[in-house]
Amino acid sequence: MIKEVNRACEKLNDTLGISVELPNPKKKALKTAAVCNLVVGAGLVAAGILFPSKSCALLGGISVISSAVLKKESKNKTHES
């Protein structure tokens, strides 16, 4: 998914005549972000269940989904990059 976004941005850069480079995170950074998102998401879901704030539960659920996506991206990443 990161490669596709980078390719689309490169096409846009060429069309507009600008040069903007997006960061290409390493596998370890993606794994770390996935773990952080999972921990924060689980905490928000728990807070949403314990307290009357359902928006916390919703944000926690989104964070857990984001964690799963990042984990999948890190598995698709090669060791060099």
PDB file of N, CA and C in Angstrom:
ATOM      1  N   MET A   1       0.825  -1.183   0.000  1.00  0.00           N
ATOM      2  CA  MET A   1       0.000   0.000   0.000  1.00  0.00           C
ATOM      3  C   MET A   1       0.874   1.254   0.000  1.00  0.00           C
ATOM      4  N   ILE A   2       1.967   1.236   0.730  1.00  0.00           N
ATOM      5  CA  ILE A   2       2.859   2.395   0.780  1.00  0.00           C
ATOM      6  C   ILE A   2       3.457   2.652  -0.601  1.00  0.00           C
ATOM      7  N   LYS A   3       3.834   1.583  -1.297  1.00  0.00           N
ATOM      8  CA  LYS A   3       4.403   1.740  -2.638  1.00  0.00           C
ATOM      9  C   LYS A   3       3.393   2.368  -3.595  1.00  0.00           C
ATOM     10  N   GLU A   4       2.132   1.949  -3.499  1.00  0.00           N
ATOM     11  CA  GLU A   4       1.105   2.502  -4.384  1.00  0.00           C
ATOM     12  C   GLU A   4       0.888   3.985  -4.121  1.00  0.00           C
ATOM     13  N   VAL A   5       0.874   4.369  -2.861  1.00  0.00           N
ATOM     14  CA  VAL A   5       0.700   5.786  -2.521  1.00  0.00           C
ATOM     15  C   VAL A   5       1.892   6.593  -3.024  1.00  0.00           C
ATOM     16  N   ASN A   6       3.100   6.054  -2.852  1.00  0.00           N
ATOM     17  CA  ASN A   6       4.290   6.754  -3.327  1.00  0.00           C
ATOM     18  C   ASN A   6       4.272   6.911  -4.844  1.00  0.00           C
ATOM     19  N   ARG A   7       3.836   5.867  -5.565  1.00  0.00           N
ATOM     20  CA  ARG A   7       3.755   5.963  -7.027  1.00  0.00           C
ATOM     21  C   ARG A   7       2.742   7.029  -7.454  1.00  0.00           C
ATOM     22  N   ALA A   8       1.606   7.054  -6.795  1.00  0.00           N
ATOM     23  CA  ALA A   8       0.583   8.055  -7.124  1.00  0.00           C
ATOM     24  C   ALA A   8       1.104   9.466  -6.855  1.00  0.00           C
ATOM     25  N   CYS A   9       1.816   9.641  -5.753  1.00  0.00           N
ATOM     26  CA  CYS A   9       2.365  10.957  -5.435  1.00  0.00           C
ATOM     27  C   CYS A   9       3.454  11.359  -6.425  1.00  0.00           C
ATOM     28  N   GLU A  10       4.256  10.396  -6.882  1.00  0.00           N
ATOM     29  CA  GLU A  10       5.270  10.690  -7.889  1.00  0.00           C
ATOM     30  C   GLU A  10       4.628  11.160  -9.186  1.00  0.00           C
ATOM     31  N   LYS A  11       3.535  10.512  -9.592  1.00  0.00           N
ATOM     32  CA  LYS A  11       2.822  10.944 -10.800  1.00  0.00           C
ATOM     33  C   LYS A  11       2.286  12.361 -10.627  1.00  0.00           C
ATOM     34  N   LEU A  12       1.737  12.647  -9.456  1.00  0.00           N
ATOM     35  CA  LEU A  12       1.220  13.980  -9.173  1.00  0.00           C
ATOM     36  C   LEU A  12       2.350  15.004  -9.177  1.00  0.00           C
ATOM     37  N   ASN A  13       3.488  14.627  -8.591  1.00  0.00           N
ATOM     38  CA  ASN A  13       4.656  15.511  -8.588  1.00  0.00           C
ATOM     39  C   ASN A  13       5.097  15.821 -10.016  1.00  0.00           C
ATOM     40  N   ASP A  14       5.149  14.796 -10.875  1.00  0.00           N
ATOM     41  CA  ASP A  14       5.545  15.006 -12.266  1.00  0.00           C
ATOM     42  C   ASP A  14       4.546  15.895 -12.993  1.00  0.00           C
ATOM     43  N   THR A  15       3.265  15.685 -12.742  1.00  0.00           N
ATOM     44  CA  THR A  15       2.227  16.483 -13.389  1.00  0.00           C
ATOM     45  C   THR A  15       2.318  17.950 -12.976  1.00  0.00           C
ATOM     46  N   LEU A  16       2.547  18.174 -11.685  1.00  0.00           N
ATOM     47  CA  LEU A  16       2.604  19.538 -11.172  1.00  0.00           C
ATOM     48  C   LEU A  16       3.990  20.172 -11.309  1.00  0.00           C
ATOM     49  N   GLY A  17       4.980  19.357 -11.629  1.00  0.00           N
ATOM     50  CA  GLY A  17       6.334  19.873 -11.781  1.00  0.00           C
ATOM     51  C   GLY A  17       7.009  20.212 -10.472  1.00  0.00           C
ATOM     52  N   ILE A  18       6.675  19.494  -9.413  1.00  0.00           N
ATOM     53  CA  ILE A  18       7.289  19.730  -8.111  1.00  0.00           C
ATOM     54  C   ILE A  18       8.040  18.483  -7.672  1.00  0.00           C
ATOM     55  N   SER A  19       8.853  18.629  -6.654  1.00  0.00           N
ATOM     56  CA  SER A  19       9.629  17.497  -6.160  1.00  0.00           C
ATOM     57  C   SER A  19       9.412  17.346  -4.656  1.00  0.00           C
ATOM     58  N   VAL A  20       8.530  16.436  -4.292  1.00  0.00           N
ATOM     59  CA  VAL A  20       8.255  16.153  -2.885  1.00  0.00           C
ATOM     60  C   VAL A  20       8.456  14.656  -2.685  1.00  0.00           C
ATOM     61  N   GLU A  21       9.325  14.295  -1.752  1.00  0.00           N
ATOM     62  CA  GLU A  21       9.571  12.882  -1.472  1.00  0.00           C
ATOM     63  C   GLU A  21       8.896  12.492  -0.176  1.00  0.00           C
ATOM     64  N   LEU A  22       8.190  11.382  -0.214  1.00  0.00           N
ATOM     65  CA  LEU A  22       7.543  10.863   0.983  1.00  0.00           C
ATOM     66  C   LEU A  22       8.491   9.918   1.699  1.00  0.00           C
ATOM     67  N   PRO A  23       8.406   9.853   3.025  1.00  0.00           N
ATOM     68  CA  PRO A  23       9.270   8.920   3.754  1.00  0.00           C
ATOM     69  C   PRO A  23       8.888   7.477   3.459  1.00  0.00           C
ATOM     70  N   ASN A  24       9.880   6.621   3.468  1.00  0.00           N
ATOM     71  CA  ASN A  24       9.655   5.196   3.262  1.00  0.00           C
ATOM     72  C   ASN A  24      10.079   4.482   4.553  1.00  0.00           C
ATOM     73  N   PRO A  25       9.136   4.227   5.466  1.00  0.00           N
ATOM     74  CA  PRO A  25       9.508   3.671   6.768  1.00  0.00           C
ATOM     75  C   PRO A  25      10.086   2.266   6.654  1.00  0.00           C
ATOM     76  N   LYS A  26      11.019   1.977   7.527  1.00  0.00           N
ATOM     77  CA  LYS A  26      11.625   0.647   7.564  1.00  0.00           C
ATOM     78  C   LYS A  26      10.696  -0.335   8.259  1.00  0.00           C
ATOM     79  N   LYS A  27      11.004  -1.599   8.110  1.00  0.00           N
ATOM     80  CA  LYS A  27      10.177  -2.667   8.669  1.00  0.00           C
ATOM     81  C   LYS A  27      10.046  -2.537  10.190  1.00  0.00           C
ATOM     82  N   LYS A  28      11.149  -2.214  10.851  1.00  0.00           N
ATOM     83  CA  LYS A  28      11.133  -2.096  12.310  1.00  0.00           C
ATOM     84  C   LYS A  28      10.231  -0.942  12.761  1.00  0.00           C
ATOM     85  N   ALA A  29      10.260   0.170  12.023  1.00  0.00           N
ATOM     86  CA  ALA A  29       9.413   1.314  12.366  1.00  0.00           C
ATOM     87  C   ALA A  29       7.939   0.963  12.208  1.00  0.00           C
ATOM     88  N   LEU A  30       7.603   0.198  11.173  1.00  0.00           N
ATOM     89  CA  LEU A  30       6.212  -0.216  10.974  1.00  0.00           C
ATOM     90  C   LEU A  30       5.750  -1.140  12.098  1.00  0.00           C
ATOM     91  N   LYS A  31       6.621  -2.069  12.500  1.00  0.00           N
ATOM     92  CA  LYS A  31       6.263  -2.982  13.592  1.00  0.00           C
ATOM     93  C   LYS A  31       6.064  -2.224  14.906  1.00  0.00           C
ATOM     94  N   THR A  32       6.940  -1.255  15.171  1.00  0.00           N
ATOM     95  CA  THR A  32       6.826  -0.459  16.396  1.00  0.00           C
ATOM     96  C   THR A  32       5.529   0.344  16.399  1.00  0.00           C
ATOM     97  N   ALA A  33       5.204   0.940  15.267  1.00  0.00           N
ATOM     98  CA  ALA A  33       3.963   1.707  15.158  1.00  0.00           C
ATOM     99  C   ALA A  33       2.749   0.800  15.332  1.00  0.00           C
ATOM    100  N   ALA A  34       2.816  -0.423  14.811  1.00  0.00           N
ATOM    101  CA  ALA A  34       1.703  -1.361  14.950  1.00  0.00           C
ATOM    102  C   ALA A  34       1.472  -1.722  16.415  1.00  0.00           C
ATOM    103  N   VAL A  35       2.540  -1.959  17.145  1.00  0.00           N
ATOM    104  CA  VAL A  35       2.415  -2.299  18.571  1.00  0.00           C
ATOM    105  C   VAL A  35       1.861  -1.108  19.355  1.00  0.00           C
ATOM    106  N   CYS A  36       2.370   0.087  19.074  1.00  0.00           N
ATOM    107  CA  CYS A  36       1.869   1.288  19.766  1.00  0.00           C
ATOM    108  C   CYS A  36       0.384   1.498  19.494  1.00  0.00           C
ATOM    109  N   ASN A  37      -0.019   1.354  18.231  1.00  0.00           N
ATOM    110  CA  ASN A  37      -1.430   1.519  17.891  1.00  0.00           C
ATOM    111  C   ASN A  37      -2.296   0.480  18.588  1.00  0.00           C
ATOM    112  N   LEU A  38      -1.801  -0.744  18.692  1.00  0.00           N
ATOM    113  CA  LEU A  38      -2.559  -1.799  19.357  1.00  0.00           C
ATOM    114  C   LEU A  38      -2.749  -1.487  20.838  1.00  0.00           C
ATOM    115  N   VAL A  39      -1.694  -1.052  21.489  1.00  0.00           N
ATOM    116  CA  VAL A  39      -1.771  -0.739  22.923  1.00  0.00           C
ATOM    117  C   VAL A  39      -2.717   0.436  23.164  1.00  0.00           C
ATOM    118  N   VAL A  40      -2.557   1.499  22.395  1.00  0.00           N
ATOM    119  CA  VAL A  40      -3.420   2.666  22.550  1.00  0.00           C
ATOM    120  C   VAL A  40      -4.865   2.307  22.209  1.00  0.00           C
ATOM    121  N   GLY A  41      -5.048   1.534  21.137  1.00  0.00           N
ATOM    122  CA  GLY A  41      -6.398   1.131  20.727  1.00  0.00           C
ATOM    123  C   GLY A  41      -7.091   0.295  21.785  1.00  0.00           C
ATOM    124  N   ALA A  42      -6.353  -0.640  22.358  1.00  0.00           N
ATOM    125  CA  ALA A  42      -6.948  -1.481  23.398  1.00  0.00           C
ATOM    126  C   ALA A  42      -7.331  -0.644  24.614  1.00  0.00           C
ATOM    127  N   GLY A  43      -6.493   0.315  24.960  1.00  0.00           N
ATOM    128  CA  GLY A  43      -6.810   1.198  26.085  1.00  0.00           C
ATOM    129  C   GLY A  43      -8.042   2.045  25.821  1.00  0.00           C
ATOM    130  N   LEU A  44      -8.156   2.555  24.595  1.00  0.00           N
ATOM    131  CA  LEU A  44      -9.331   3.360  24.254  1.00  0.00           C
ATOM    132  C   LEU A  44     -10.603   2.527  24.220  1.00  0.00           C
ATOM    133  N   VAL A  45     -10.506   1.305  23.720  1.00  0.00           N
ATOM    134  CA  VAL A  45     -11.680   0.429  23.709  1.00  0.00           C
ATOM    135  C   VAL A  45     -12.115   0.135  25.142  1.00  0.00           C
ATOM    136  N   ALA A  46     -11.136  -0.150  26.002  1.00  0.00           N
ATOM    137  CA  ALA A  46     -11.457  -0.419  27.410  1.00  0.00           C
ATOM    138  C   ALA A  46     -12.089   0.803  28.075  1.00  0.00           C
ATOM    139  N   ALA A  47     -11.548   1.986  27.778  1.00  0.00           N
ATOM    140  CA  ALA A  47     -12.115   3.212  28.348  1.00  0.00           C
ATOM    141  C   ALA A  47     -13.528   3.442  27.822  1.00  0.00           C
ATOM    142  N   GLY A  48     -13.747   3.131  26.555  1.00  0.00           N
ATOM    143  CA  GLY A  48     -15.074   3.296  25.973  1.00  0.00           C
ATOM    144  C   GLY A  48     -16.100   2.352  26.576  1.00  0.00           C
ATOM    145  N   ILE A  49     -15.625   1.181  26.994  1.00  0.00           N
ATOM    146  CA  ILE A  49     -16.530   0.216  27.623  1.00  0.00           C
ATOM    147  C   ILE A  49     -16.809   0.606  29.076  1.00  0.00           C
ATOM    148  N   LEU A  50     -15.776   1.044  29.785  1.00  0.00           N
ATOM    149  CA  LEU A  50     -15.920   1.377  31.203  1.00  0.00           C
ATOM    150  C   LEU A  50     -16.649   2.688  31.444  1.00  0.00           C
ATOM    151  N   PHE A  51     -16.435   3.658  30.582  1.00  0.00           N
ATOM    152  CA  PHE A  51     -17.038   4.978  30.748  1.00  0.00           C
ATOM    153  C   PHE A  51     -18.126   5.177  29.696  1.00  0.00           C
ATOM    154  N   PRO A  52     -18.969   6.153  29.884  1.00  0.00           N
ATOM    155  CA  PRO A  52     -20.070   6.347  28.931  1.00  0.00           C
ATOM    156  C   PRO A  52     -19.646   6.904  27.561  1.00  0.00           C
ATOM    157  N   SER A  53     -18.364   7.165  27.368  1.00  0.00           N
ATOM    158  CA  SER A  53     -17.882   7.739  26.112  1.00  0.00           C
ATOM    159  C   SER A  53     -17.709   6.654  25.049  1.00  0.00           C
ATOM    160  N   LYS A  54     -18.644   6.595  24.132  1.00  0.00           N
ATOM    161  CA  LYS A  54     -18.558   5.598  23.054  1.00  0.00           C
ATOM    162  C   LYS A  54     -17.595   6.042  21.962  1.00  0.00           C
ATOM    163  N   SER A  55     -17.288   7.336  21.930  1.00  0.00           N
ATOM    164  CA  SER A  55     -16.324   7.807  20.934  1.00  0.00           C
ATOM    165  C   SER A  55     -14.932   7.241  21.224  1.00  0.00           C
ATOM    166  N   CYS A  56     -14.618   7.015  22.501  1.00  0.00           N
ATOM    167  CA  CYS A  56     -13.342   6.381  22.843  1.00  0.00           C
ATOM    168  C   CYS A  56     -13.281   4.960  22.283  1.00  0.00           C
ATOM    169  N   ALA A  57     -14.366   4.248  22.406  1.00  0.00           N
ATOM    170  CA  ALA A  57     -14.409   2.882  21.878  1.00  0.00           C
ATOM    171  C   ALA A  57     -14.261   2.897  20.364  1.00  0.00           C
ATOM    172  N   LEU A  58     -14.894   3.848  19.708  1.00  0.00           N
ATOM    173  CA  LEU A  58     -14.791   3.960  18.254  1.00  0.00           C
ATOM    174  C   LEU A  58     -13.360   4.276  17.826  1.00  0.00           C
ATOM    175  N   LEU A  59     -12.736   5.256  18.474  1.00  0.00           N
ATOM    176  CA  LEU A  59     -11.350   5.598  18.158  1.00  0.00           C
ATOM    177  C   LEU A  59     -10.410   4.427  18.450  1.00  0.00           C
ATOM    178  N   GLY A  60     -10.684   3.713  19.514  1.00  0.00           N
ATOM    179  CA  GLY A  60      -9.878   2.536  19.839  1.00  0.00           C
ATOM    180  C   GLY A  60     -10.005   1.464  18.777  1.00  0.00           C
ATOM    181  N   GLY A  61     -11.220   1.249  18.297  1.00  0.00           N
ATOM    182  CA  GLY A  61     -11.428   0.271  17.231  1.00  0.00           C
ATOM    183  C   GLY A  61     -10.689   0.656  15.965  1.00  0.00           C
ATOM    184  N   ILE A  62     -10.718   1.941  15.628  1.00  0.00           N
ATOM    185  CA  ILE A  62      -9.987   2.415  14.450  1.00  0.00           C
ATOM    186  C   ILE A  62      -8.483   2.215  14.643  1.00  0.00           C
ATOM    187  N   SER A  63      -8.005   2.455  15.846  1.00  0.00           N
ATOM    188  CA  SER A  63      -6.587   2.277  16.144  1.00  0.00           C
ATOM    189  C   SER A  63      -6.172   0.807  16.038  1.00  0.00           C
ATOM    190  N   VAL A  64      -7.024  -0.094  16.491  1.00  0.00           N
ATOM    191  CA  VAL A  64      -6.725  -1.528  16.388  1.00  0.00           C
ATOM    192  C   VAL A  64      -6.697  -1.953  14.921  1.00  0.00           C
ATOM    193  N   ILE A  65      -7.623  -1.443  14.127  1.00  0.00           N
ATOM    194  CA  ILE A  65      -7.628  -1.753  12.690  1.00  0.00           C
ATOM    195  C   ILE A  65      -6.354  -1.209  12.035  1.00  0.00           C
ATOM    196  N   SER A  66      -5.969  -0.001  12.415  1.00  0.00           N
ATOM    197  CA  SER A  66      -4.736   0.594  11.899  1.00  0.00           C
ATOM    198  C   SER A  66      -3.529  -0.262  12.268  1.00  0.00           C
ATOM    199  N   SER A  67      -3.539  -0.805  13.459  1.00  0.00           N
ATOM    200  CA  SER A  67      -2.456  -1.681  13.897  1.00  0.00           C
ATOM    201  C   SER A  67      -2.363  -2.920  13.011  1.00  0.00           C
ATOM    202  N   ALA A  68      -3.506  -3.489  12.681  1.00  0.00           N
ATOM    203  CA  ALA A  68      -3.512  -4.676  11.815  1.00  0.00           C
ATOM    204  C   ALA A  68      -2.986  -4.349  10.424  1.00  0.00           C
ATOM    205  N   VAL A  69      -3.356  -3.184   9.904  1.00  0.00           N
ATOM    206  CA  VAL A  69      -2.877  -2.776   8.576  1.00  0.00           C
ATOM    207  C   VAL A  69      -1.362  -2.561   8.603  1.00  0.00           C
ATOM    208  N   LEU A  70      -0.862  -1.902   9.638  1.00  0.00           N
ATOM    209  CA  LEU A  70       0.578  -1.677   9.750  1.00  0.00           C
ATOM    210  C   LEU A  70       1.335  -2.991   9.890  1.00  0.00           C
ATOM    211  N   LYS A  71       0.782  -3.919  10.630  1.00  0.00           N
ATOM    212  CA  LYS A  71       1.417  -5.232  10.792  1.00  0.00           C
ATOM    213  C   LYS A  71       1.507  -5.941   9.447  1.00  0.00           C
ATOM    214  N   LYS A  72       0.422  -5.878   8.664  1.00  0.00           N
ATOM    215  CA  LYS A  72       0.420  -6.497   7.340  1.00  0.00           C
ATOM    216  C   LYS A  72       1.444  -5.827   6.429  1.00  0.00           C
ATOM    217  N   GLU A  73       1.525  -4.500   6.482  1.00  0.00           N
ATOM    218  CA  GLU A  73       2.500  -3.769   5.674  1.00  0.00           C
ATOM    219  C   GLU A  73       3.924  -4.159   6.057  1.00  0.00           C
ATOM    220  N   SER A  74       4.170  -4.337   7.354  1.00  0.00           N
ATOM    221  CA  SER A  74       5.530  -4.693   7.789  1.00  0.00           C
ATOM    222  C   SER A  74       5.904  -6.089   7.310  1.00  0.00           C
ATOM    223  N   LYS A  75       4.921  -6.977   7.188  1.00  0.00           N
ATOM    224  CA  LYS A  75       5.219  -8.324   6.685  1.00  0.00           C
ATOM    225  C   LYS A  75       5.500  -8.301   5.186  1.00  0.00           C
ATOM    226  N   ASN A  76       4.925  -7.347   4.454  1.00  0.00           N
ATOM    227  CA  ASN A  76       5.147  -7.231   3.011  1.00  0.00           C
ATOM    228  C   ASN A  76       6.448  -6.512   2.700  1.00  0.00           C
ATOM    229  N   LYS A  77       7.042  -5.887   3.687  1.00  0.00           N
ATOM    230  CA  LYS A  77       8.269  -5.122   3.504  1.00  0.00           C
ATOM    231  C   LYS A  77       9.463  -6.058   3.376  1.00  0.00           C
ATOM    232  N   THR A  78      10.410  -5.715   2.507  1.00  0.00           N
ATOM    233  CA  THR A  78      11.632  -6.510   2.402  1.00  0.00           C
ATOM    234  C   THR A  78      12.574  -6.131   3.537  1.00  0.00           C
ATOM    235  N   HIS A  79      13.575  -6.948   3.759  1.00  0.00           N
ATOM    236  CA  HIS A  79      14.492  -6.695   4.875  1.00  0.00           C
ATOM    237  C   HIS A  79      15.387  -5.487   4.637  1.00  0.00           C
ATOM    238  N   GLU A  80      15.680  -5.179   3.377  1.00  0.00           N
ATOM    239  CA  GLU A  80      16.582  -4.070   3.075  1.00  0.00           C
ATOM    240  C   GLU A  80      15.937  -2.720   3.319  1.00  0.00           C
ATOM    241  N   SER A  81      14.616  -2.629   3.037  1.00  0.00           N
ATOM    242  CA  SER A  81      13.980  -1.320   3.112  1.00  0.00           C
ATOM    243  C   SER A  81      13.146  -1.161   4.341  1.00  0.00           C
TER     244      SER A  81
END
